Amino acid sequence: MPATINLNADLGESFGAWRMGSDDEMLPLVDSANVACGFHAGDPLVLRKTLRLAREHGVSVGAHPSYPDLQGFGRRSMAMAPDELEAAILYQIAALDGLARVEGTAVNHVKPHGALNNAACASRALAETVVRAIRAYGRDLILLAPALSELYVAGEAAGLPVVAEVFADRAYQDDGQLVPRSQPGAMIHGPEASFAHVERMLAEGAIVSLNGKRLPCPIGSICVHGDGAEAVATAAYLRRRLAADGYRFAGLPALLQNRNSCG
């Protein structure tokens, strides 16, 4: 049976007159959309439009909560008490889910954004706070978590359905964490280079670091950051080349259903 894979992107990140990415062009190319919830980007009108487009294209929807950091696009570390962070995540999921229901869809998964995601990948305590918030909102919500992260481990331990993702446009350190954006080589540029990166990881069944270290892990989803200048071209190229390699594509709920029926 051909392998099934999910292609996801972070979308809904425009705000007022400020434009980020191209949701109109990305949504026909991905299977799942991680939609901003207003704390790092996105306003109610942008989110509603993104959700409507996702429904029209049959794209499964996820909440993309962050630290409350509009000025820093959610990429700055913040110290928040666990109960404060848990409430902030719940607030964001609930807000997006309310808009989604009005648009005839629903939030099916959660993927933390930026600095929150990075911190939860490295800290088990923070990961457990994130997972606790997700589980409180809905025990059937899928956690989309980076492969080999504390967030992935915490989600599985709590009984959430978890899908491991890798990044098409980001390089990895030898411990499986992303190379910080401030360091050389952190970003992978161009559709061909991104596909070569993804193809090697899928073939190896492992994250492959910038130094060539192989870290075996499950891979269920591939992320293309929607805010990149080459995002649309990269997503289109990945989809075309992966389809040529025999991969089938599915939203996260269908991906898990396929996994469970095969297991």
C-alpha atoms as a PDB file:
ATOM      1  CA  MET A   1       0.000   0.000   0.000  1.00  0.00           C
ATOM      2  CA  PRO A   2       1.395   3.486  -0.865  1.00  0.00           C
ATOM      3  CA  ALA A   3       2.544   5.521   2.112  1.00  0.00           C
ATOM      4  CA  THR A   4       0.271   8.333   3.293  1.00  0.00           C
ATOM      5  CA  ILE A   5       1.700  11.692   4.295  1.00  0.00           C
ATOM      6  CA  ASN A   6       0.341  15.048   5.426  1.00  0.00           C
ATOM      7  CA  LEU A   7       1.505  18.445   4.196  1.00  0.00           C
ATOM      8  CA  ASN A   8       0.817  21.331   6.580  1.00  0.00           C
ATOM      9  CA  ALA A   9       1.430  25.079   6.684  1.00  0.00           C
ATOM     10  CA  ASP A  10       1.049  27.913   9.191  1.00  0.00           C
ATOM     11  CA  LEU A  11      -1.603  30.261   7.798  1.00  0.00           C
ATOM     12  CA  GLY A  12      -3.952  33.097   8.764  1.00  0.00           C
ATOM     13  CA  GLU A  13      -0.993  35.210   9.861  1.00  0.00           C
ATOM     14  CA  SER A  14      -1.896  38.535   8.266  1.00  0.00           C
ATOM     15  CA  PHE A  15      -3.085  41.308  10.587  1.00  0.00           C
ATOM     16  CA  GLY A  16      -5.112  44.334   9.530  1.00  0.00           C
ATOM     17  CA  ALA A  17      -3.315  46.065   6.648  1.00  0.00           C
ATOM     18  CA  TRP A  18      -0.179  43.966   7.236  1.00  0.00           C
ATOM     19  CA  ARG A  19       0.122  40.957   4.939  1.00  0.00           C
ATOM     20  CA  MET A  20       1.988  37.740   5.727  1.00  0.00           C
ATOM     21  CA  GLY A  21       2.144  34.829   3.319  1.00  0.00           C
ATOM     22  CA  SER A  22      -0.413  33.892   0.677  1.00  0.00           C
ATOM     23  CA  ASP A  23      -3.233  31.791   2.100  1.00  0.00           C
ATOM     24  CA  ASP A  24      -5.150  31.857  -1.199  1.00  0.00           C
ATOM     25  CA  GLU A  25      -2.266  30.137  -2.977  1.00  0.00           C
ATOM     26  CA  MET A  26      -1.175  27.825  -0.162  1.00  0.00           C
ATOM     27  CA  LEU A  27      -4.512  26.295   0.777  1.00  0.00           C
ATOM     28  CA  PRO A  28      -4.960  24.343  -2.492  1.00  0.00           C
ATOM     29  CA  LEU A  29      -1.512  22.798  -1.898  1.00  0.00           C
ATOM     30  CA  VAL A  30      -1.711  21.596   1.716  1.00  0.00           C
ATOM     31  CA  ASP A  31      -3.764  19.027   3.600  1.00  0.00           C
ATOM     32  CA  SER A  32      -3.857  20.759   6.983  1.00  0.00           C
ATOM     33  CA  ALA A  33      -3.726  24.425   7.995  1.00  0.00           C
ATOM     34  CA  ASN A  34      -2.370  25.618  11.329  1.00  0.00           C
ATOM     35  CA  VAL A  35      -4.333  28.838  11.732  1.00  0.00           C
ATOM     36  CA  ALA A  36      -3.088  31.705  13.894  1.00  0.00           C
ATOM     37  CA  CYS A  37      -5.314  32.543  16.849  1.00  0.00           C
ATOM     38  CA  GLY A  38      -4.663  36.255  17.289  1.00  0.00           C
ATOM     39  CA  PHE A  39      -1.881  36.186  19.876  1.00  0.00           C
ATOM     40  CA  HIS A  40       1.077  36.281  17.474  1.00  0.00           C
ATOM     41  CA  ALA A  41      -0.751  37.168  14.256  1.00  0.00           C
ATOM     42  CA  GLY A  42      -4.153  37.039  12.638  1.00  0.00           C
ATOM     43  CA  ASP A  43      -7.234  39.140  13.310  1.00  0.00           C
ATOM     44  CA  PRO A  44     -10.863  37.949  13.402  1.00  0.00           C
ATOM     45  CA  LEU A  45     -11.546  38.881   9.776  1.00  0.00           C
ATOM     46  CA  VAL A  46      -8.346  37.232   8.512  1.00  0.00           C
ATOM     47  CA  LEU A  47      -9.019  34.088  10.535  1.00  0.00           C
ATOM     48  CA  ARG A  48     -12.594  33.811   9.324  1.00  0.00           C
ATOM     49  CA  LYS A  49     -11.513  34.179   5.697  1.00  0.00           C
ATOM     50  CA  THR A  50      -8.765  31.583   6.148  1.00  0.00           C
ATOM     51  CA  LEU A  51     -11.188  29.133   7.758  1.00  0.00           C
ATOM     52  CA  ARG A  52     -13.691  29.630   4.946  1.00  0.00           C
ATOM     53  CA  LEU A  53     -11.029  28.964   2.320  1.00  0.00           C
ATOM     54  CA  ALA A  54      -9.844  25.891   4.215  1.00  0.00           C
ATOM     55  CA  ARG A  55     -13.354  24.458   4.197  1.00  0.00           C
ATOM     56  CA  GLU A  56     -13.748  25.175   0.479  1.00  0.00           C
ATOM     57  CA  HIS A  57     -10.509  23.333  -0.304  1.00  0.00           C
ATOM     58  CA  GLY A  58     -11.200  20.398   2.034  1.00  0.00           C
ATOM     59  CA  VAL A  59      -8.243  21.271   4.256  1.00  0.00           C
ATOM     60  CA  SER A  60      -8.344  20.139   7.893  1.00  0.00           C
ATOM     61  CA  VAL A  61      -7.960  22.965  10.410  1.00  0.00           C
ATOM     62  CA  GLY A  62      -5.779  23.285  13.476  1.00  0.00           C
ATOM     63  CA  ALA A  63      -5.233  25.982  16.087  1.00  0.00           C
ATOM     64  CA  HIS A  64      -1.781  27.592  16.114  1.00  0.00           C
ATOM     65  CA  PRO A  65      -1.576  29.171  19.599  1.00  0.00           C
ATOM     66  CA  SER A  66       1.392  31.180  20.795  1.00  0.00           C
ATOM     67  CA  TYR A  67       2.707  33.343  23.556  1.00  0.00           C
ATOM     68  CA  PRO A  68       0.892  36.737  23.652  1.00  0.00           C
ATOM     69  CA  ASP A  69       3.469  38.472  21.451  1.00  0.00           C
ATOM     70  CA  LEU A  70       2.017  40.344  18.486  1.00  0.00           C
ATOM     71  CA  GLN A  71       5.005  42.677  18.231  1.00  0.00           C
ATOM     72  CA  GLY A  72       7.485  39.799  18.102  1.00  0.00           C
ATOM     73  CA  PHE A  73       5.371  37.468  15.950  1.00  0.00           C
ATOM     74  CA  GLY A  74       5.456  34.937  18.788  1.00  0.00           C
ATOM     75  CA  ARG A  75       9.158  34.302  18.329  1.00  0.00           C
ATOM     76  CA  ARG A  76      10.320  35.754  21.651  1.00  0.00           C
ATOM     77  CA  SER A  77      10.624  33.645  24.779  1.00  0.00           C
ATOM     78  CA  MET A  78       8.282  34.542  27.632  1.00  0.00           C
ATOM     79  CA  ALA A  79       8.074  33.433  31.251  1.00  0.00           C
ATOM     80  CA  MET A  80       4.465  32.569  32.090  1.00  0.00           C
ATOM     81  CA  ALA A  81       3.054  30.728  35.086  1.00  0.00           C
ATOM     82  CA  PRO A  82       1.633  27.334  34.093  1.00  0.00           C
ATOM     83  CA  ASP A  83      -1.980  28.275  34.871  1.00  0.00           C
ATOM     84  CA  GLU A  84      -1.641  31.544  32.934  1.00  0.00           C
ATOM     85  CA  LEU A  85      -0.169  29.775  29.905  1.00  0.00           C
ATOM     86  CA  GLU A  86      -2.782  27.025  30.052  1.00  0.00           C
ATOM     87  CA  ALA A  87      -5.577  29.618  30.083  1.00  0.00           C
ATOM     88  CA  ALA A  88      -3.988  31.523  27.190  1.00  0.00           C
ATOM     89  CA  ILE A  89      -3.828  28.371  25.067  1.00  0.00           C
ATOM     90  CA  LEU A  90      -7.418  27.428  25.913  1.00  0.00           C
ATOM     91  CA  TYR A  91      -8.561  30.941  25.019  1.00  0.00           C
ATOM     92  CA  GLN A  92      -6.915  30.745  21.602  1.00  0.00           C
ATOM     93  CA  ILE A  93      -8.228  27.283  20.732  1.00  0.00           C
ATOM     94  CA  ALA A  94     -11.745  28.257  21.788  1.00  0.00           C
ATOM     95  CA  ALA A  95     -11.690  31.502  19.790  1.00  0.00           C
ATOM     96  CA  LEU A  96     -10.582  29.783  16.596  1.00  0.00           C
ATOM     97  CA  ASP A  97     -12.966  26.875  17.088  1.00  0.00           C
ATOM     98  CA  GLY A  98     -15.877  29.290  17.512  1.00  0.00           C
ATOM     99  CA  LEU A  99     -15.086  30.992  14.217  1.00  0.00           C
ATOM    100  CA  ALA A 100     -14.534  27.622  12.563  1.00  0.00           C
ATOM    101  CA  ARG A 101     -17.949  26.360  13.591  1.00  0.00           C
ATOM    102  CA  VAL A 102     -19.589  29.439  12.075  1.00  0.00           C
ATOM    103  CA  GLU A 103     -17.761  28.650   8.825  1.00  0.00           C
ATOM    104  CA  GLY A 104     -18.968  25.038   8.803  1.00  0.00           C
ATOM    105  CA  THR A 105     -15.770  23.391   9.958  1.00  0.00           C
ATOM    106  CA  ALA A 106     -14.031  22.668  13.272  1.00  0.00           C
ATOM    107  CA  VAL A 107     -10.614  22.673  14.871  1.00  0.00           C
ATOM    108  CA  ASN A 108      -9.213  19.126  14.591  1.00  0.00           C
ATOM    109  CA  HIS A 109      -5.655  19.631  15.777  1.00  0.00           C
ATOM    110  CA  VAL A 110      -3.342  21.950  17.690  1.00  0.00           C
ATOM    111  CA  LYS A 111       0.200  22.962  16.832  1.00  0.00           C
ATOM    112  CA  PRO A 112       1.951  25.522  19.068  1.00  0.00           C
ATOM    113  CA  HIS A 113       3.714  28.393  17.325  1.00  0.00           C
ATOM    114  CA  GLY A 114       7.201  29.829  17.398  1.00  0.00           C
ATOM    115  CA  ALA A 115       8.932  30.322  20.730  1.00  0.00           C
ATOM    116  CA  LEU A 116       6.193  28.423  22.581  1.00  0.00           C
ATOM    117  CA  ASN A 117       6.651  25.418  20.325  1.00  0.00           C
ATOM    118  CA  ASN A 118      10.440  25.545  20.606  1.00  0.00           C
ATOM    119  CA  ALA A 119      10.330  25.789  24.390  1.00  0.00           C
ATOM    120  CA  ALA A 120       7.791  22.963  24.707  1.00  0.00           C
ATOM    121  CA  CYS A 121       9.996  20.776  22.517  1.00  0.00           C
ATOM    122  CA  ALA A 122      12.875  21.143  24.971  1.00  0.00           C
ATOM    123  CA  SER A 123      11.095  21.329  28.361  1.00  0.00           C
ATOM    124  CA  ARG A 124       8.965  18.431  29.566  1.00  0.00           C
ATOM    125  CA  ALA A 125       7.283  20.623  32.202  1.00  0.00           C
ATOM    126  CA  LEU A 126       6.266  23.225  29.631  1.00  0.00           C
ATOM    127  CA  ALA A 127       5.211  20.495  27.205  1.00  0.00           C
ATOM    128  CA  GLU A 128       2.924  19.045  29.876  1.00  0.00           C
ATOM    129  CA  THR A 129       1.309  22.463  30.388  1.00  0.00           C
ATOM    130  CA  VAL A 130       0.604  22.754  26.673  1.00  0.00           C
ATOM    131  CA  VAL A 131      -0.768  19.221  26.532  1.00  0.00           C
ATOM    132  CA  ARG A 132      -2.916  19.801  29.605  1.00  0.00           C
ATOM    133  CA  ALA A 133      -4.569  22.782  27.914  1.00  0.00           C
ATOM    134  CA  ILE A 134      -5.229  20.847  24.701  1.00  0.00           C
ATOM    135  CA  ARG A 135      -6.641  17.859  26.578  1.00  0.00           C
ATOM    136  CA  ALA A 136      -8.870  20.110  28.671  1.00  0.00           C
ATOM    137  CA  TYR A 137     -10.474  21.501  25.528  1.00  0.00           C
ATOM    138  CA  GLY A 138     -10.868  18.176  23.772  1.00  0.00           C
ATOM    139  CA  ARG A 139      -9.337  14.762  24.348  1.00  0.00           C
ATOM    140  CA  ASP A 140      -9.770  13.900  20.676  1.00  0.00           C
ATOM    141  CA  LEU A 141      -7.815  16.925  19.456  1.00  0.00           C
ATOM    142  CA  ILE A 142      -4.743  15.851  17.504  1.00  0.00           C
ATOM    143  CA  LEU A 143      -1.417  17.231  18.679  1.00  0.00           C
ATOM    144  CA  LEU A 144       0.874  18.068  15.768  1.00  0.00           C
ATOM    145  CA  ALA A 145       4.296  17.995  17.395  1.00  0.00           C
ATOM    146  CA  PRO A 146       7.873  18.006  16.121  1.00  0.00           C
ATOM    147  CA  ALA A 147       9.388  14.538  15.924  1.00  0.00           C
ATOM    148  CA  LEU A 148      11.671  13.546  18.820  1.00  0.00           C
ATOM    149  CA  SER A 149      10.439  16.423  20.990  1.00  0.00           C
ATOM    150  CA  GLU A 150       9.362  16.548  24.623  1.00  0.00           C
ATOM    151  CA  LEU A 151       6.054  17.850  23.307  1.00  0.00           C
ATOM    152  CA  TYR A 152       5.529  14.675  21.293  1.00  0.00           C
ATOM    153  CA  VAL A 153       6.404  12.513  24.302  1.00  0.00           C
ATOM    154  CA  ALA A 154       4.115  14.468  26.642  1.00  0.00           C
ATOM    155  CA  GLY A 155       1.220  14.232  24.196  1.00  0.00           C
ATOM    156  CA  GLU A 156       1.532  10.471  23.905  1.00  0.00           C
ATOM    157  CA  ALA A 157       1.856  10.089  27.689  1.00  0.00           C
ATOM    158  CA  ALA A 158      -1.378  12.046  28.161  1.00  0.00           C
ATOM    159  CA  GLY A 159      -3.230   9.875  25.671  1.00  0.00           C
ATOM    160  CA  LEU A 160      -3.676  12.488  22.966  1.00  0.00           C
ATOM    161  CA  PRO A 161      -3.567  11.388  19.333  1.00  0.00           C
ATOM    162  CA  VAL A 162      -0.173  12.678  18.177  1.00  0.00           C
ATOM    163  CA  VAL A 163       1.339  13.135  14.710  1.00  0.00           C
ATOM    164  CA  ALA A 164       5.073  13.765  14.332  1.00  0.00           C
ATOM    165  CA  GLU A 165       6.115  16.485  11.905  1.00  0.00           C
ATOM    166  CA  VAL A 166       9.363  17.467  10.261  1.00  0.00           C
ATOM    167  CA  PHE A 167      10.192  20.770   8.609  1.00  0.00           C
ATOM    168  CA  ALA A 168      10.919  21.054   4.908  1.00  0.00           C
ATOM    169  CA  ASP A 169      12.553  24.458   5.212  1.00  0.00           C
ATOM    170  CA  ARG A 170      14.466  24.221   8.497  1.00  0.00           C
ATOM    171  CA  ALA A 171      17.729  22.489   9.396  1.00  0.00           C
ATOM    172  CA  TYR A 172      18.244  20.347  12.487  1.00  0.00           C
ATOM    173  CA  GLN A 173      20.845  20.159  15.209  1.00  0.00           C
ATOM    174  CA  ASP A 174      22.368  16.862  16.298  1.00  0.00           C
ATOM    175  CA  ASP A 175      19.899  16.594  19.220  1.00  0.00           C
ATOM    176  CA  GLY A 176      16.903  16.813  16.874  1.00  0.00           C
ATOM    177  CA  GLN A 177      16.073  20.427  17.744  1.00  0.00           C
ATOM    178  CA  LEU A 178      15.831  23.053  15.026  1.00  0.00           C
ATOM    179  CA  VAL A 179      18.886  25.139  14.271  1.00  0.00           C
ATOM    180  CA  PRO A 180      18.036  28.601  15.715  1.00  0.00           C
ATOM    181  CA  ARG A 181      17.064  31.115  13.049  1.00  0.00           C
ATOM    182  CA  SER A 182      19.910  33.360  14.207  1.00  0.00           C
ATOM    183  CA  GLN A 183      22.529  30.783  13.202  1.00  0.00           C
ATOM    184  CA  PRO A 184      23.955  30.135   9.722  1.00  0.00           C
ATOM    185  CA  GLY A 185      22.295  27.320   7.816  1.00  0.00           C
ATOM    186  CA  ALA A 186      19.084  27.428   9.851  1.00  0.00           C
ATOM    187  CA  MET A 187      16.882  27.940   6.811  1.00  0.00           C
ATOM    188  CA  ILE A 188      16.716  25.693   3.752  1.00  0.00           C
ATOM    189  CA  HIS A 189      16.080  27.769   0.655  1.00  0.00           C
ATOM    190  CA  GLY A 190      14.461  26.735  -2.600  1.00  0.00           C
ATOM    191  CA  PRO A 191      11.989  23.996  -3.567  1.00  0.00           C
ATOM    192  CA  GLU A 192      14.676  21.569  -4.783  1.00  0.00           C
ATOM    193  CA  ALA A 193      16.763  21.836  -1.618  1.00  0.00           C
ATOM    194  CA  SER A 194      13.672  21.473   0.584  1.00  0.00           C
ATOM    195  CA  PHE A 195      12.555  18.387  -1.320  1.00  0.00           C
ATOM    196  CA  ALA A 196      16.027  16.816  -1.071  1.00  0.00           C
ATOM    197  CA  HIS A 197      15.925  17.433   2.697  1.00  0.00           C
ATOM    198  CA  VAL A 198      12.457  15.860   3.017  1.00  0.00           C
ATOM    199  CA  GLU A 199      13.207  12.977   0.671  1.00  0.00           C
ATOM    200  CA  ARG A 200      16.271  11.989   2.672  1.00  0.00           C
ATOM    201  CA  MET A 201      14.381  12.075   5.980  1.00  0.00           C
ATOM    202  CA  LEU A 202      11.514   9.983   4.600  1.00  0.00           C
ATOM    203  CA  ALA A 203      13.900   7.481   3.021  1.00  0.00           C
ATOM    204  CA  GLU A 204      15.925   7.202   6.235  1.00  0.00           C
ATOM    205  CA  GLY A 205      12.878   7.222   8.521  1.00  0.00           C
ATOM    206  CA  ALA A 206      14.814   9.739  10.549  1.00  0.00           C
ATOM    207  CA  ILE A 207      15.658  13.370  11.114  1.00  0.00           C
ATOM    208  CA  VAL A 208      18.974  14.089   9.431  1.00  0.00           C
ATOM    209  CA  SER A 209      20.890  16.894  11.114  1.00  0.00           C
ATOM    210  CA  LEU A 210      22.938  19.648   9.506  1.00  0.00           C
ATOM    211  CA  ASN A 211      26.022  17.588  10.384  1.00  0.00           C
ATOM    212  CA  GLY A 212      24.573  14.418   8.849  1.00  0.00           C
ATOM    213  CA  LYS A 213      23.574  12.714  12.101  1.00  0.00           C
ATOM    214  CA  ARG A 214      20.648  10.289  11.681  1.00  0.00           C
ATOM    215  CA  LEU A 215      17.946  10.286  14.398  1.00  0.00           C
ATOM    216  CA  PRO A 216      15.283   7.600  13.714  1.00  0.00           C
ATOM    217  CA  CYS A 217      11.692   8.696  14.316  1.00  0.00           C
ATOM    218  CA  PRO A 218       8.157   8.400  12.910  1.00  0.00           C
ATOM    219  CA  ILE A 219       7.235  11.041  10.330  1.00  0.00           C
ATOM    220  CA  GLY A 220       3.576  11.751   9.659  1.00  0.00           C
ATOM    221  CA  SER A 221       3.527  15.346   8.472  1.00  0.00           C
ATOM    222  CA  ILE A 222       5.755  17.814   6.639  1.00  0.00           C
ATOM    223  CA  CYS A 223       5.570  21.529   7.409  1.00  0.00           C
ATOM    224  CA  VAL A 224       6.234  24.346   4.969  1.00  0.00           C
ATOM    225  CA  HIS A 225       6.276  27.700   6.780  1.00  0.00           C
ATOM    226  CA  GLY A 226       3.634  29.830   5.088  1.00  0.00           C
ATOM    227  CA  ASP A 227       5.459  33.112   5.802  1.00  0.00           C
ATOM    228  CA  GLY A 228       8.475  32.278   3.621  1.00  0.00           C
ATOM    229  CA  ALA A 229       9.000  33.993   0.269  1.00  0.00           C
ATOM    230  CA  GLU A 230       9.353  30.598  -1.443  1.00  0.00           C
ATOM    231  CA  ALA A 231       6.547  28.880   0.491  1.00  0.00           C
ATOM    232  CA  VAL A 232       4.072  28.460  -2.372  1.00  0.00           C
ATOM    233  CA  ALA A 233       6.688  27.220  -4.825  1.00  0.00           C
ATOM    234  CA  THR A 234       8.112  24.855  -2.205  1.00  0.00           C
ATOM    235  CA  ALA A 235       4.722  23.396  -1.255  1.00  0.00           C
ATOM    236  CA  ALA A 236       3.785  22.882  -4.917  1.00  0.00           C
ATOM    237  CA  TYR A 237       7.100  21.228  -5.697  1.00  0.00           C
ATOM    238  CA  LEU A 238       6.950  18.945  -2.636  1.00  0.00           C
ATOM    239  CA  ARG A 239       3.431  17.837  -3.448  1.00  0.00           C
ATOM    240  CA  ARG A 240       4.292  17.092  -7.060  1.00  0.00           C
ATOM    241  CA  ARG A 241       7.502  15.210  -6.304  1.00  0.00           C
ATOM    242  CA  LEU A 242       6.087  13.228  -3.374  1.00  0.00           C
ATOM    243  CA  ALA A 243       3.070  12.219  -5.476  1.00  0.00           C
ATOM    244  CA  ALA A 244       5.472  11.057  -8.186  1.00  0.00           C
ATOM    245  CA  ASP A 245       7.236   8.961  -5.520  1.00  0.00           C
ATOM    246  CA  GLY A 246       3.929   7.221  -4.741  1.00  0.00           C
ATOM    247  CA  TYR A 247       2.837   9.081  -1.618  1.00  0.00           C
ATOM    248  CA  ARG A 248      -0.825   9.717  -0.954  1.00  0.00           C
ATOM    249  CA  PHE A 249      -1.933  12.858   0.894  1.00  0.00           C
ATOM    250  CA  ALA A 250      -4.448  13.201   3.725  1.00  0.00           C
ATOM    251  CA  GLY A 251      -5.607  15.651   6.358  1.00  0.00           C
ATOM    252  CA  LEU A 252      -4.554  14.825   9.894  1.00  0.00           C
ATOM    253  CA  PRO A 253      -7.834  13.127  10.937  1.00  0.00           C
ATOM    254  CA  ALA A 254      -7.749  10.922   7.821  1.00  0.00           C
ATOM    255  CA  LEU A 255      -4.051  10.240   8.325  1.00  0.00           C
ATOM    256  CA  LEU A 256      -4.673   8.906  11.830  1.00  0.00           C
ATOM    257  CA  GLN A 257      -7.686   6.898  10.676  1.00  0.00           C
ATOM    258  CA  ASN A 258      -5.537   5.316   7.965  1.00  0.00           C
ATOM    259  CA  ARG A 259      -2.788   4.596  10.494  1.00  0.00           C
ATOM    260  CA  ASN A 260      -5.221   2.966  12.920  1.00  0.00           C
ATOM    261  CA  SER A 261      -6.883   0.835  10.229  1.00  0.00           C
ATOM    262  CA  CYS A 262      -3.458  -0.401   9.092  1.00  0.00           C
ATOM    263  CA  GLY A 263      -2.241  -1.037  12.616  1.00  0.00           C
END
